[in-house]
PDB file of all heavy atoms in Angstrom:
ATOM      1  N   ILE A   1      23.408  59.910  25.433  1.00  0.00           N
ATOM      2  CA  ILE A   1      23.047  61.289  24.989  1.00  0.00           C
ATOM      3  C   ILE A   1      21.468  61.483  24.935  1.00  0.00           C
ATOM      4  O   ILE A   1      21.046  62.616  25.083  1.00  0.00           O
ATOM      5  CB  ILE A   1      23.663  61.472  23.623  1.00  0.00           C
ATOM      6  CG1 ILE A   1      23.901  63.006  23.412  1.00  0.00           C
ATOM      7  CG2 ILE A   1      22.700  61.021  22.494  1.00  0.00           C
ATOM      8  CD1 ILE A   1      24.658  63.368  22.172  1.00  0.00           C
ATOM      9  N   LEU A   2      20.761  60.303  25.110  1.00  0.00           N
ATOM     10  CA  LEU A   2      19.319  60.492  25.000  1.00  0.00           C
ATOM     11  C   LEU A   2      18.607  60.501  26.392  1.00  0.00           C
ATOM     12  O   LEU A   2      19.087  59.803  27.306  1.00  0.00           O
ATOM     13  CB  LEU A   2      18.790  59.243  24.180  1.00  0.00           C
ATOM     14  CG  LEU A   2      19.191  59.081  22.824  1.00  0.00           C
ATOM     15  CD1 LEU A   2      18.652  57.810  22.216  1.00  0.00           C
ATOM     16  CD2 LEU A   2      18.788  60.284  21.922  1.00  0.00           C
ATOM     17  N   PRO A   3      17.513  61.271  26.496  1.00  0.00           N
ATOM     18  CA  PRO A   3      16.688  61.077  27.655  1.00  0.00           C
ATOM     19  C   PRO A   3      16.141  59.644  27.816  1.00  0.00           C
ATOM     20  O   PRO A   3      16.033  59.018  26.765  1.00  0.00           O
ATOM     21  CB  PRO A   3      15.567  62.076  27.478  1.00  0.00           C
ATOM     22  CG  PRO A   3      16.082  63.043  26.460  1.00  0.00           C
ATOM     23  CD  PRO A   3      17.041  62.340  25.569  1.00  0.00           C
ATOM     24  N   PRO A   4      15.946  59.118  28.957  1.00  0.00           N
ATOM     25  CA  PRO A   4      15.661  57.718  29.055  1.00  0.00           C
ATOM     26  C   PRO A   4      14.366  57.345  28.268  1.00  0.00           C
ATOM     27  O   PRO A   4      14.413  56.154  27.724  1.00  0.00           O
ATOM     28  CB  PRO A   4      15.324  57.549  30.519  1.00  0.00           C
ATOM     29  CG  PRO A   4      16.322  58.578  31.171  1.00  0.00           C
ATOM     30  CD  PRO A   4      16.353  59.765  30.349  1.00  0.00           C
ATOM     31  N   ALA A   5      13.442  58.193  28.100  1.00  0.00           N
ATOM     32  CA  ALA A   5      12.212  57.958  27.338  1.00  0.00           C
ATOM     33  C   ALA A   5      12.536  57.633  25.801  1.00  0.00           C
ATOM     34  O   ALA A   5      11.767  57.015  25.073  1.00  0.00           O
ATOM     35  CB  ALA A   5      11.201  58.971  27.485  1.00  0.00           C
ATOM     36  N   LEU A   6      13.584  58.180  25.392  1.00  0.00           N
ATOM     37  CA  LEU A   6      13.998  58.138  23.927  1.00  0.00           C
ATOM     38  C   LEU A   6      14.905  56.963  23.609  1.00  0.00           C
ATOM     39  O   LEU A   6      15.206  56.673  22.455  1.00  0.00           O
ATOM     40  CB  LEU A   6      14.490  59.373  23.422  1.00  0.00           C
ATOM     41  CG  LEU A   6      13.565  60.600  23.411  1.00  0.00           C
ATOM     42  CD1 LEU A   6      14.340  61.791  22.860  1.00  0.00           C
ATOM     43  CD2 LEU A   6      12.314  60.325  22.618  1.00  0.00           C
ATOM     44  N   ARG A   7      15.565  56.371  24.615  1.00  0.00           N
ATOM     45  CA  ARG A   7      16.610  55.309  24.348  1.00  0.00           C
ATOM     46  C   ARG A   7      16.043  54.114  23.724  1.00  0.00           C
ATOM     47  O   ARG A   7      16.913  53.582  22.895  1.00  0.00           O
ATOM     48  CB  ARG A   7      17.273  54.928  25.760  1.00  0.00           C
ATOM     49  CG  ARG A   7      18.119  56.108  26.256  1.00  0.00           C
ATOM     50  CD  ARG A   7      18.872  55.851  27.476  1.00  0.00           C
ATOM     51  NE  ARG A   7      19.459  56.956  27.914  1.00  0.00           N
ATOM     52  CZ  ARG A   7      20.143  57.347  29.183  1.00  0.00           C
ATOM     53  NH1 ARG A   7      20.229  56.231  30.013  1.00  0.00           N
ATOM     54  NH2 ARG A   7      20.654  58.361  29.503  1.00  0.00           N
ATOM     55  N   PRO A   8      14.847  53.710  23.708  1.00  0.00           N
ATOM     56  CA  PRO A   8      14.273  52.620  23.014  1.00  0.00           C
ATOM     57  C   PRO A   8      14.497  52.930  21.450  1.00  0.00           C
ATOM     58  O   PRO A   8      14.274  51.970  20.597  1.00  0.00           O
ATOM     59  CB  PRO A   8      12.875  52.384  23.320  1.00  0.00           C
ATOM     60  CG  PRO A   8      12.769  52.954  24.788  1.00  0.00           C
ATOM     61  CD  PRO A   8      13.754  54.049  24.741  1.00  0.00           C
ATOM     62  N   MET A   9      14.622  54.266  20.995  1.00  0.00           N
ATOM     63  CA  MET A   9      14.704  54.619  19.708  1.00  0.00           C
ATOM     64  C   MET A   9      16.098  54.720  19.081  1.00  0.00           C
ATOM     65  O   MET A   9      16.314  55.275  18.103  1.00  0.00           O
ATOM     66  CB  MET A   9      13.964  55.973  19.506  1.00  0.00           C
ATOM     67  CG  MET A   9      12.533  56.025  20.021  1.00  0.00           C
ATOM     68  SD  MET A   9      11.860  57.608  19.907  1.00  0.00           S
ATOM     69  CE  MET A   9      12.013  58.080  18.060  1.00  0.00           C
ATOM     70  N   TRP A  10      16.996  54.220  19.957  1.00  0.00           N
ATOM     71  CA  TRP A  10      18.439  54.423  19.644  1.00  0.00           C
ATOM     72  C   TRP A  10      18.797  53.921  18.197  1.00  0.00           C
ATOM     73  O   TRP A  10      19.572  54.517  17.434  1.00  0.00           O
ATOM     74  CB  TRP A  10      19.288  53.784  20.679  1.00  0.00           C
ATOM     75  CG  TRP A  10      20.773  53.805  20.324  1.00  0.00           C
ATOM     76  CD1 TRP A  10      21.575  52.675  20.158  1.00  0.00           C
ATOM     77  CD2 TRP A  10      21.707  54.891  20.202  1.00  0.00           C
ATOM     78  NE1 TRP A  10      22.900  53.120  19.905  1.00  0.00           N
ATOM     79  CE2 TRP A  10      22.968  54.519  19.996  1.00  0.00           C
ATOM     80  CE3 TRP A  10      21.505  56.335  20.293  1.00  0.00           C
ATOM     81  CZ2 TRP A  10      23.980  55.430  19.727  1.00  0.00           C
ATOM     82  CZ3 TRP A  10      22.500  57.187  20.217  1.00  0.00           C
ATOM     83  CH2 TRP A  10      23.798  56.658  19.878  1.00  0.00           C
ATOM     84  N   GLU A  11      18.442  52.716  17.766  1.00  0.00           N
ATOM     85  CA  GLU A  11      18.660  52.153  16.514  1.00  0.00           C
ATOM     86  C   GLU A  11      18.127  52.919  15.501  1.00  0.00           C
ATOM     87  O   GLU A  11      18.707  53.190  14.416  1.00  0.00           O
ATOM     88  CB  GLU A  11      18.147  50.676  16.517  1.00  0.00           C
ATOM     89  CG  GLU A  11      19.003  49.774  17.443  1.00  0.00           C
ATOM     90  CD  GLU A  11      20.450  49.662  17.205  1.00  0.00           C
ATOM     91  OE1 GLU A  11      20.849  49.696  15.962  1.00  0.00           O
ATOM     92  OE2 GLU A  11      21.146  49.521  18.136  1.00  0.00           O
ATOM     93  N   GLN A  12      16.856  53.487  15.659  1.00  0.00           N
ATOM     94  CA  GLN A  12      16.231  54.328  14.669  1.00  0.00           C
ATOM     95  C   GLN A  12      17.020  55.618  14.445  1.00  0.00           C
ATOM     96  O   GLN A  12      17.190  56.089  13.319  1.00  0.00           O
ATOM     97  CB  GLN A  12      14.797  54.676  15.158  1.00  0.00           C
ATOM     98  CG  GLN A  12      13.954  55.450  14.092  1.00  0.00           C
ATOM     99  CD  GLN A  12      12.542  55.717  14.625  1.00  0.00           C
ATOM    100  OE1 GLN A  12      12.033  55.069  15.405  1.00  0.00           O
ATOM    101  NE2 GLN A  12      11.985  56.729  14.037  1.00  0.00           N
ATOM    102  N   ILE A  13      17.452  56.147  15.519  1.00  0.00           N
ATOM    103  CA  ILE A  13      18.268  57.400  15.465  1.00  0.00           C
ATOM    104  C   ILE A  13      19.590  57.141  14.763  1.00  0.00           C
ATOM    105  O   ILE A  13      19.983  57.964  13.934  1.00  0.00           O
ATOM    106  CB  ILE A  13      18.502  57.892  16.883  1.00  0.00           C
ATOM    107  CG1 ILE A  13      17.224  58.406  17.471  1.00  0.00           C
ATOM    108  CG2 ILE A  13      19.554  59.085  16.894  1.00  0.00           C
ATOM    109  CD1 ILE A  13      17.279  58.837  18.936  1.00  0.00           C
ATOM    110  N   LEU A  14      20.213  56.055  15.065  1.00  0.00           N
ATOM    111  CA  LEU A  14      21.346  55.687  14.337  1.00  0.00           C
ATOM    112  C   LEU A  14      21.218  55.534  12.792  1.00  0.00           C
ATOM    113  O   LEU A  14      22.052  55.978  12.033  1.00  0.00           O
ATOM    114  CB  LEU A  14      22.025  54.431  14.823  1.00  0.00           C
ATOM    115  CG  LEU A  14      22.747  54.442  16.260  1.00  0.00           C
ATOM    116  CD1 LEU A  14      23.292  53.019  16.541  1.00  0.00           C
ATOM    117  CD2 LEU A  14      23.713  55.472  16.097  1.00  0.00           C
ATOM    118  N   GLU A  15      20.076  54.993  12.426  1.00  0.00           N
ATOM    119  CA  GLU A  15      19.673  54.833  10.918  1.00  0.00           C
ATOM    120  C   GLU A  15      19.607  56.350  10.346  1.00  0.00           C
ATOM    121  O   GLU A  15      20.130  56.491   9.298  1.00  0.00           O
ATOM    122  CB  GLU A  15      18.419  54.019  10.787  1.00  0.00           C
ATOM    123  CG  GLU A  15      18.611  52.724  11.099  1.00  0.00           C
ATOM    124  CD  GLU A  15      17.265  51.898  10.875  1.00  0.00           C
ATOM    125  OE1 GLU A  15      16.305  52.499  10.314  1.00  0.00           O
ATOM    126  OE2 GLU A  15      17.122  50.674  11.279  1.00  0.00           O
ATOM    127  N   GLY A  16      18.947  57.162  11.118  1.00  0.00           N
ATOM    128  CA  GLY A  16      18.731  58.545  10.593  1.00  0.00           C
ATOM    129  C   GLY A  16      20.061  59.284  10.448  1.00  0.00           C
ATOM    130  O   GLY A  16      20.092  60.093   9.345  1.00  0.00           O
ATOM    131  N   VAL A  17      21.008  59.050  11.221  1.00  0.00           N
ATOM    132  CA  VAL A  17      22.262  59.859  11.052  1.00  0.00           C
ATOM    133  C   VAL A  17      23.180  59.235   9.938  1.00  0.00           C
ATOM    134  O   VAL A  17      24.386  59.546   9.867  1.00  0.00           O
ATOM    135  CB  VAL A  17      23.043  59.967  12.349  1.00  0.00           C
ATOM    136  CG1 VAL A  17      22.132  60.859  13.301  1.00  0.00           C
ATOM    137  CG2 VAL A  17      23.397  58.682  12.949  1.00  0.00           C
ATOM    138  N   GLN A  18      22.747  58.316   9.229  1.00  0.00           N
ATOM    139  CA  GLN A  18      23.479  57.811   8.045  1.00  0.00           C
ATOM    140  C   GLN A  18      23.219  58.644   6.778  1.00  0.00           C
ATOM    141  O   GLN A  18      23.789  58.560   5.717  1.00  0.00           O
ATOM    142  CB  GLN A  18      23.056  56.404   7.526  1.00  0.00           C
ATOM    143  CG  GLN A  18      23.249  55.352   8.847  1.00  0.00           C
ATOM    144  CD  GLN A  18      24.690  55.413   9.386  1.00  0.00           C
ATOM    145  OE1 GLN A  18      25.588  55.334   8.640  1.00  0.00           O
ATOM    146  NE2 GLN A  18      24.745  55.632  10.671  1.00  0.00           N
ATOM    147  N   ARG A  19      22.270  59.601   6.844  1.00  0.00           N
ATOM    148  CA  ARG A  19      21.912  60.421   5.714  1.00  0.00           C
ATOM    149  C   ARG A  19      23.048  61.351   5.402  1.00  0.00           C
ATOM    150  O   ARG A  19      23.719  62.038   6.335  1.00  0.00           O
ATOM    151  CB  ARG A  19      20.671  61.288   6.135  1.00  0.00           C
ATOM    152  CG  ARG A  19      20.154  62.323   5.103  1.00  0.00           C
ATOM    153  CD  ARG A  19      18.845  62.851   5.571  1.00  0.00           C
ATOM    154  NE  ARG A  19      18.344  63.922   4.857  1.00  0.00           N
ATOM    155  CZ  ARG A  19      18.313  65.177   5.314  1.00  0.00           C
ATOM    156  NH1 ARG A  19      18.697  65.444   6.634  1.00  0.00           N
ATOM    157  NH2 ARG A  19      17.750  66.181   4.642  1.00  0.00           N
ATOM    158  N   PRO A  20      23.469  61.435   4.078  1.00  0.00           N
ATOM    159  CA  PRO A  20      24.595  62.286   3.769  1.00  0.00           C
ATOM    160  C   PRO A  20      24.427  63.917   4.092  1.00  0.00           C
ATOM    161  O   PRO A  20      23.403  64.362   4.054  1.00  0.00           O
ATOM    162  CB  PRO A  20      24.636  62.281   2.245  1.00  0.00           C
ATOM    163  CG  PRO A  20      23.890  60.932   1.884  1.00  0.00           C
ATOM    164  CD  PRO A  20      22.809  60.841   2.886  1.00  0.00           C
ATOM    165  N   ALA A  21      25.609  64.324   4.622  1.00  0.00           N
ATOM    166  CA  ALA A  21      25.554  65.800   5.026  1.00  0.00           C
ATOM    167  C   ALA A  21      25.330  66.725   3.788  1.00  0.00           C
ATOM    168  O   ALA A  21      24.678  67.776   4.008  1.00  0.00           O
ATOM    169  CB  ALA A  21      26.923  66.188   5.668  1.00  0.00           C
ATOM    170  N   SER A  22      25.644  66.270   2.638  1.00  0.00           N
ATOM    171  CA  SER A  22      25.401  67.108   1.447  1.00  0.00           C
ATOM    172  C   SER A  22      23.834  67.322   1.176  1.00  0.00           C
ATOM    173  O   SER A  22      23.409  68.329   0.775  1.00  0.00           O
ATOM    174  CB  SER A  22      26.085  66.456   0.183  1.00  0.00           C
ATOM    175  OG  SER A  22      25.654  65.137  -0.031  1.00  0.00           O
ATOM    176  N   GLU A  23      23.112  66.210   1.497  1.00  0.00           N
ATOM    177  CA  GLU A  23      21.663  66.319   1.306  1.00  0.00           C
ATOM    178  C   GLU A  23      21.000  67.171   2.522  1.00  0.00           C
ATOM    179  O   GLU A  23      20.126  67.983   2.370  1.00  0.00           O
ATOM    180  CB  GLU A  23      20.999  65.019   1.504  1.00  0.00           C
ATOM    181  CG  GLU A  23      19.478  64.859   1.287  1.00  0.00           C
ATOM    182  CD  GLU A  23      19.064  63.391   1.367  1.00  0.00           C
ATOM    183  OE1 GLU A  23      19.779  62.489   0.786  1.00  0.00           O
ATOM    184  OE2 GLU A  23      17.828  63.189   1.900  1.00  0.00           O
ATOM    185  N   ALA A  24      21.503  66.916   3.696  1.00  0.00           N
ATOM    186  CA  ALA A  24      21.061  67.820   4.907  1.00  0.00           C
ATOM    187  C   ALA A  24      21.334  69.242   4.590  1.00  0.00           C
ATOM    188  O   ALA A  24      20.483  70.179   5.054  1.00  0.00           O
ATOM    189  CB  ALA A  24      21.677  67.273   6.146  1.00  0.00           C
ATOM    190  N   ALA A  25      22.340  69.608   3.912  1.00  0.00           N
ATOM    191  CA  ALA A  25      22.712  70.995   3.737  1.00  0.00           C
ATOM    192  C   ALA A  25      21.745  71.765   2.921  1.00  0.00           C
ATOM    193  O   ALA A  25      21.686  73.003   2.882  1.00  0.00           O
ATOM    194  CB  ALA A  25      24.072  71.154   3.098  1.00  0.00           C
ATOM    195  N   ARG A  26      20.938  71.026   2.137  1.00  0.00           N
ATOM    196  CA  ARG A  26      20.078  71.669   1.121  1.00  0.00           C
ATOM    197  C   ARG A  26      19.041  72.718   1.746  1.00  0.00           C
ATOM    198  O   ARG A  26      18.788  73.780   1.236  1.00  0.00           O
ATOM    199  CB  ARG A  26      19.295  70.664   0.340  1.00  0.00           C
ATOM    200  CG  ARG A  26      20.196  69.837  -0.552  1.00  0.00           C
ATOM    201  CD  ARG A  26      19.495  68.657  -1.217  1.00  0.00           C
ATOM    202  NE  ARG A  26      20.296  67.785  -1.988  1.00  0.00           N
ATOM    203  CZ  ARG A  26      20.015  66.589  -2.430  1.00  0.00           C
ATOM    204  NH1 ARG A  26      18.790  66.136  -2.198  1.00  0.00           N
ATOM    205  NH2 ARG A  26      20.787  65.868  -3.136  1.00  0.00           N
ATOM    206  N   SER A  27      18.500  72.264   2.996  1.00  0.00           N
ATOM    207  CA  SER A  27      17.522  73.202   3.513  1.00  0.00           C
ATOM    208  C   SER A  27      18.198  74.461   4.013  1.00  0.00           C
ATOM    209  O   SER A  27      17.635  75.621   3.941  1.00  0.00           O
ATOM    210  CB  SER A  27      16.905  72.465   4.813  1.00  0.00           C
ATOM    211  OG  SER A  27      17.767  72.221   5.706  1.00  0.00           O
ATOM    212  N   VAL A  28      19.441  74.407   4.431  1.00  0.00           N
ATOM    213  CA  VAL A  28      20.184  75.689   4.857  1.00  0.00           C
ATOM    214  C   VAL A  28      20.464  76.482   3.677  1.00  0.00           C
ATOM    215  O   VAL A  28      20.296  77.704   3.794  1.00  0.00           O
ATOM    216  CB  VAL A  28      21.443  75.204   5.566  1.00  0.00           C
ATOM    217  CG1 VAL A  28      22.163  76.393   6.241  1.00  0.00           C
ATOM    218  CG2 VAL A  28      21.188  74.252   6.812  1.00  0.00           C
ATOM    219  N   VAL A  29      20.936  75.895   2.711  1.00  0.00           N
ATOM    220  CA  VAL A  29      21.283  76.673   1.387  1.00  0.00           C
ATOM    221  C   VAL A  29      20.002  77.236   0.836  1.00  0.00           C
ATOM    222  O   VAL A  29      20.014  78.387   0.326  1.00  0.00           O
ATOM    223  CB  VAL A  29      22.017  75.745   0.459  1.00  0.00           C
ATOM    224  CG1 VAL A  29      22.275  76.558  -0.897  1.00  0.00           C
ATOM    225  CG2 VAL A  29      23.320  75.218   0.984  1.00  0.00           C
ATOM    226  N   PHE A  30      18.992  76.502   0.840  1.00  0.00           N
ATOM    227  CA  PHE A  30      17.711  77.049   0.355  1.00  0.00           C
ATOM    228  C   PHE A  30      17.266  78.262   1.152  1.00  0.00           C
ATOM    229  O   PHE A  30      16.866  79.382   0.588  1.00  0.00           O
ATOM    230  CB  PHE A  30      16.587  75.873   0.593  1.00  0.00           C
ATOM    231  CG  PHE A  30      15.194  76.331   0.034  1.00  0.00           C
ATOM    232  CD1 PHE A  30      14.833  76.477  -1.283  1.00  0.00           C
ATOM    233  CD2 PHE A  30      14.193  76.662   1.042  1.00  0.00           C
ATOM    234  CE1 PHE A  30      13.743  76.728  -1.639  1.00  0.00           C
ATOM    235  CE2 PHE A  30      12.871  76.998   0.599  1.00  0.00           C
ATOM    236  CZ  PHE A  30      12.688  77.091  -0.778  1.00  0.00           C
ATOM    237  N   ALA A  31      17.354  78.198   2.468  1.00  0.00           N
ATOM    238  CA  ALA A  31      16.969  79.399   3.357  1.00  0.00           C
ATOM    239  C   ALA A  31      17.885  80.538   2.975  1.00  0.00           C
ATOM    240  O   ALA A  31      17.414  81.693   3.140  1.00  0.00           O
ATOM    241  CB  ALA A  31      16.992  78.870   4.850  1.00  0.00           C
ATOM    242  N   ALA A  32      19.111  80.225   2.676  1.00  0.00           N
ATOM    243  CA  ALA A  32      20.068  81.253   2.524  1.00  0.00           C
ATOM    244  C   ALA A  32      19.992  81.938   1.107  1.00  0.00           C
ATOM    245  O   ALA A  32      20.474  83.090   0.861  1.00  0.00           O
ATOM    246  CB  ALA A  32      21.472  80.647   2.585  1.00  0.00           C
ATOM    247  N   THR A  33      19.344  81.289   0.143  1.00  0.00           N
ATOM    248  CA  THR A  33      19.348  81.809  -1.211  1.00  0.00           C
ATOM    249  C   THR A  33      18.025  81.907  -1.942  1.00  0.00           C
ATOM    250  O   THR A  33      17.952  82.604  -2.946  1.00  0.00           O
ATOM    251  CB  THR A  33      20.258  80.864  -2.071  1.00  0.00           C
ATOM    252  OG1 THR A  33      19.637  79.513  -2.067  1.00  0.00           O
ATOM    253  CG2 THR A  33      21.637  80.755  -1.491  1.00  0.00           C
ATOM    254  N   ASP A  34      16.995  81.303  -1.504  1.00  0.00           N
ATOM    255  CA  ASP A  34      15.802  81.327  -2.271  1.00  0.00           C
ATOM    256  C   ASP A  34      15.098  82.640  -2.190  1.00  0.00           C
ATOM    257  O   ASP A  34      14.782  83.141  -1.181  1.00  0.00           O
ATOM    258  CB  ASP A  34      14.757  80.268  -1.840  1.00  0.00           C
ATOM    259  CG  ASP A  34      13.668  80.067  -2.829  1.00  0.00           C
ATOM    260  OD1 ASP A  34      12.657  80.940  -2.698  1.00  0.00           O
ATOM    261  OD2 ASP A  34      13.696  79.196  -3.661  1.00  0.00           O
ATOM    262  N   PRO A  35      14.885  83.328  -3.389  1.00  0.00           N
ATOM    263  CA  PRO A  35      14.448  84.696  -3.379  1.00  0.00           C
ATOM    264  C   PRO A  35      12.963  84.786  -2.957  1.00  0.00           C
ATOM    265  O   PRO A  35      12.321  85.932  -2.688  1.00  0.00           O
ATOM    266  CB  PRO A  35      14.560  85.177  -4.818  1.00  0.00           C
ATOM    267  CG  PRO A  35      14.643  83.931  -5.658  1.00  0.00           C
ATOM    268  CD  PRO A  35      15.136  82.764  -4.746  1.00  0.00           C
ATOM    269  N   SER A  36      12.180  83.712  -2.960  1.00  0.00           N
ATOM    270  CA  SER A  36      10.661  83.795  -2.686  1.00  0.00           C
ATOM    271  C   SER A  36      10.393  83.806  -1.254  1.00  0.00           C
ATOM    272  O   SER A  36       9.284  84.103  -0.851  1.00  0.00           O
ATOM    273  CB  SER A  36      10.110  82.557  -3.426  1.00  0.00           C
ATOM    274  OG  SER A  36      10.356  81.377  -2.653  1.00  0.00           O
ATOM    275  N   LEU A  37      11.372  83.592  -0.422  1.00  0.00           N
ATOM    276  CA  LEU A  37      11.061  83.426   1.029  1.00  0.00           C
ATOM    277  C   LEU A  37      10.874  84.766   1.692  1.00  0.00           C
ATOM    278  O   LEU A  37      11.641  85.746   1.447  1.00  0.00           O
ATOM    279  CB  LEU A  37      12.232  82.624   1.738  1.00  0.00           C
ATOM    280  CG  LEU A  37      12.471  81.194   1.269  1.00  0.00           C
ATOM    281  CD1 LEU A  37      13.657  80.694   1.924  1.00  0.00           C
ATOM    282  CD2 LEU A  37      11.266  80.365   1.383  1.00  0.00           C
ATOM    283  N   GLU A  38       9.857  84.814   2.584  1.00  0.00           N
ATOM    284  CA  GLU A  38       9.693  85.999   3.392  1.00  0.00           C
ATOM    285  C   GLU A  38      10.310  85.871   4.805  1.00  0.00           C
ATOM    286  O   GLU A  38      10.355  84.739   5.328  1.00  0.00           O
ATOM    287  CB  GLU A  38       8.206  86.168   3.537  1.00  0.00           C
ATOM    288  CG  GLU A  38       7.513  86.645   2.284  1.00  0.00           C
ATOM    289  CD  GLU A  38       6.114  87.072   2.414  1.00  0.00           C
ATOM    290  OE1 GLU A  38       5.642  87.288   3.659  1.00  0.00           O
ATOM    291  OE2 GLU A  38       5.345  87.328   1.474  1.00  0.00           O
ATOM    292  N   THR A  39      10.883  86.850   5.350  1.00  0.00           N
ATOM    293  CA  THR A  39      11.541  86.755   6.674  1.00  0.00           C
ATOM    294  C   THR A  39      10.730  86.146   7.644  1.00  0.00           C
ATOM    295  O   THR A  39       9.560  86.298   7.770  1.00  0.00           O
ATOM    296  CB  THR A  39      12.052  88.030   7.057  1.00  0.00           C
ATOM    297  OG1 THR A  39      12.922  88.079   8.184  1.00  0.00           O
ATOM    298  CG2 THR A  39      10.935  88.999   7.397  1.00  0.00           C
ATOM    299  N   GLY A  40      11.405  85.394   8.595  1.00  0.00           N
ATOM    300  CA  GLY A  40      10.726  84.958   9.832  1.00  0.00           C
ATOM    301  C   GLY A  40      10.379  83.416   9.737  1.00  0.00           C
ATOM    302  O   GLY A  40       9.893  82.861  10.699  1.00  0.00           O
ATOM    303  N   LEU A  41      10.662  82.766   8.538  1.00  0.00           N
ATOM    304  CA  LEU A  41      10.303  81.391   8.435  1.00  0.00           C
ATOM    305  C   LEU A  41      11.315  80.419   9.051  1.00  0.00           C
ATOM    306  O   LEU A  41      12.511  80.706   9.131  1.00  0.00           O
ATOM    307  CB  LEU A  41      10.109  81.087   6.959  1.00  0.00           C
ATOM    308  CG  LEU A  41       9.100  81.750   6.156  1.00  0.00           C
ATOM    309  CD1 LEU A  41       9.126  81.431   4.770  1.00  0.00           C
ATOM    310  CD2 LEU A  41       7.643  81.417   6.668  1.00  0.00           C
ATOM    311  N   VAL A  42      10.854  79.294   9.464  1.00  0.00           N
ATOM    312  CA  VAL A  42      11.629  78.039   9.705  1.00  0.00           C
ATOM    313  C   VAL A  42      11.431  77.180   8.514  1.00  0.00           C
ATOM    314  O   VAL A  42      10.402  76.778   8.165  1.00  0.00           O
ATOM    315  CB  VAL A  42      11.128  77.405  11.030  1.00  0.00           C
ATOM    316  CG1 VAL A  42      12.165  76.188  11.376  1.00  0.00           C
ATOM    317  CG2 VAL A  42      11.253  78.364  12.266  1.00  0.00           C
ATOM    318  N   ILE A  43      12.699  76.722   7.980  1.00  0.00           N
ATOM    319  CA  ILE A  43      12.610  75.842   6.805  1.00  0.00           C
ATOM    320  C   ILE A  43      12.954  74.469   7.262  1.00  0.00           C
ATOM    321  O   ILE A  43      14.015  74.260   8.024  1.00  0.00           O
ATOM    322  CB  ILE A  43      13.668  76.338   5.768  1.00  0.00           C
ATOM    323  CG1 ILE A  43      13.359  77.795   5.303  1.00  0.00           C
ATOM    324  CG2 ILE A  43      13.762  75.398   4.596  1.00  0.00           C
ATOM    325  CD1 ILE A  43      12.083  78.033   4.753  1.00  0.00           C
ATOM    326  N   GLY A  44      12.084  73.577   6.920  1.00  0.00           N
ATOM    327  CA  GLY A  44      12.275  72.120   7.450  1.00  0.00           C
ATOM    328  C   GLY A  44      13.283  71.406   6.483  1.00  0.00           C
ATOM    329  O   GLY A  44      13.813  71.912   5.539  1.00  0.00           O
ATOM    330  N   PRO A  45      13.575  70.116   6.806  1.00  0.00           N
ATOM    331  CA  PRO A  45      14.489  69.359   6.144  1.00  0.00           C
ATOM    332  C   PRO A  45      14.130  69.088   4.627  1.00  0.00           C
ATOM    333  O   PRO A  45      15.052  68.859   3.770  1.00  0.00           O
ATOM    334  CB  PRO A  45      14.554  68.071   6.855  1.00  0.00           C
ATOM    335  CG  PRO A  45      14.120  68.391   8.280  1.00  0.00           C
ATOM    336  CD  PRO A  45      13.095  69.424   8.143  1.00  0.00           C
ATOM    337  N   ASP A  46      12.790  69.270   4.336  1.00  0.00           N
ATOM    338  CA  ASP A  46      12.325  69.099   2.988  1.00  0.00           C
ATOM    339  C   ASP A  46      12.326  70.374   2.198  1.00  0.00           C
ATOM    340  O   ASP A  46      11.715  70.427   1.140  1.00  0.00           O
ATOM    341  CB  ASP A  46      11.033  68.409   2.929  1.00  0.00           C
ATOM    342  CG  ASP A  46       9.915  69.232   3.589  1.00  0.00           C
ATOM    343  OD1 ASP A  46      10.302  70.217   4.278  1.00  0.00           O
ATOM    344  OD2 ASP A  46       8.805  68.800   3.570  1.00  0.00           O
TER     345      ASP A  46
END
């Protein structure tokens, strides 16, 4: 699934996708609900 240049990072990528989906959902829910946000932003994983 990776471009050849990224394949040496395969093990690191596998480690990353062990993160719980419930934790990853937080940024989406934050963007959906936080009243302080102004339109047009991209909200990162943190």
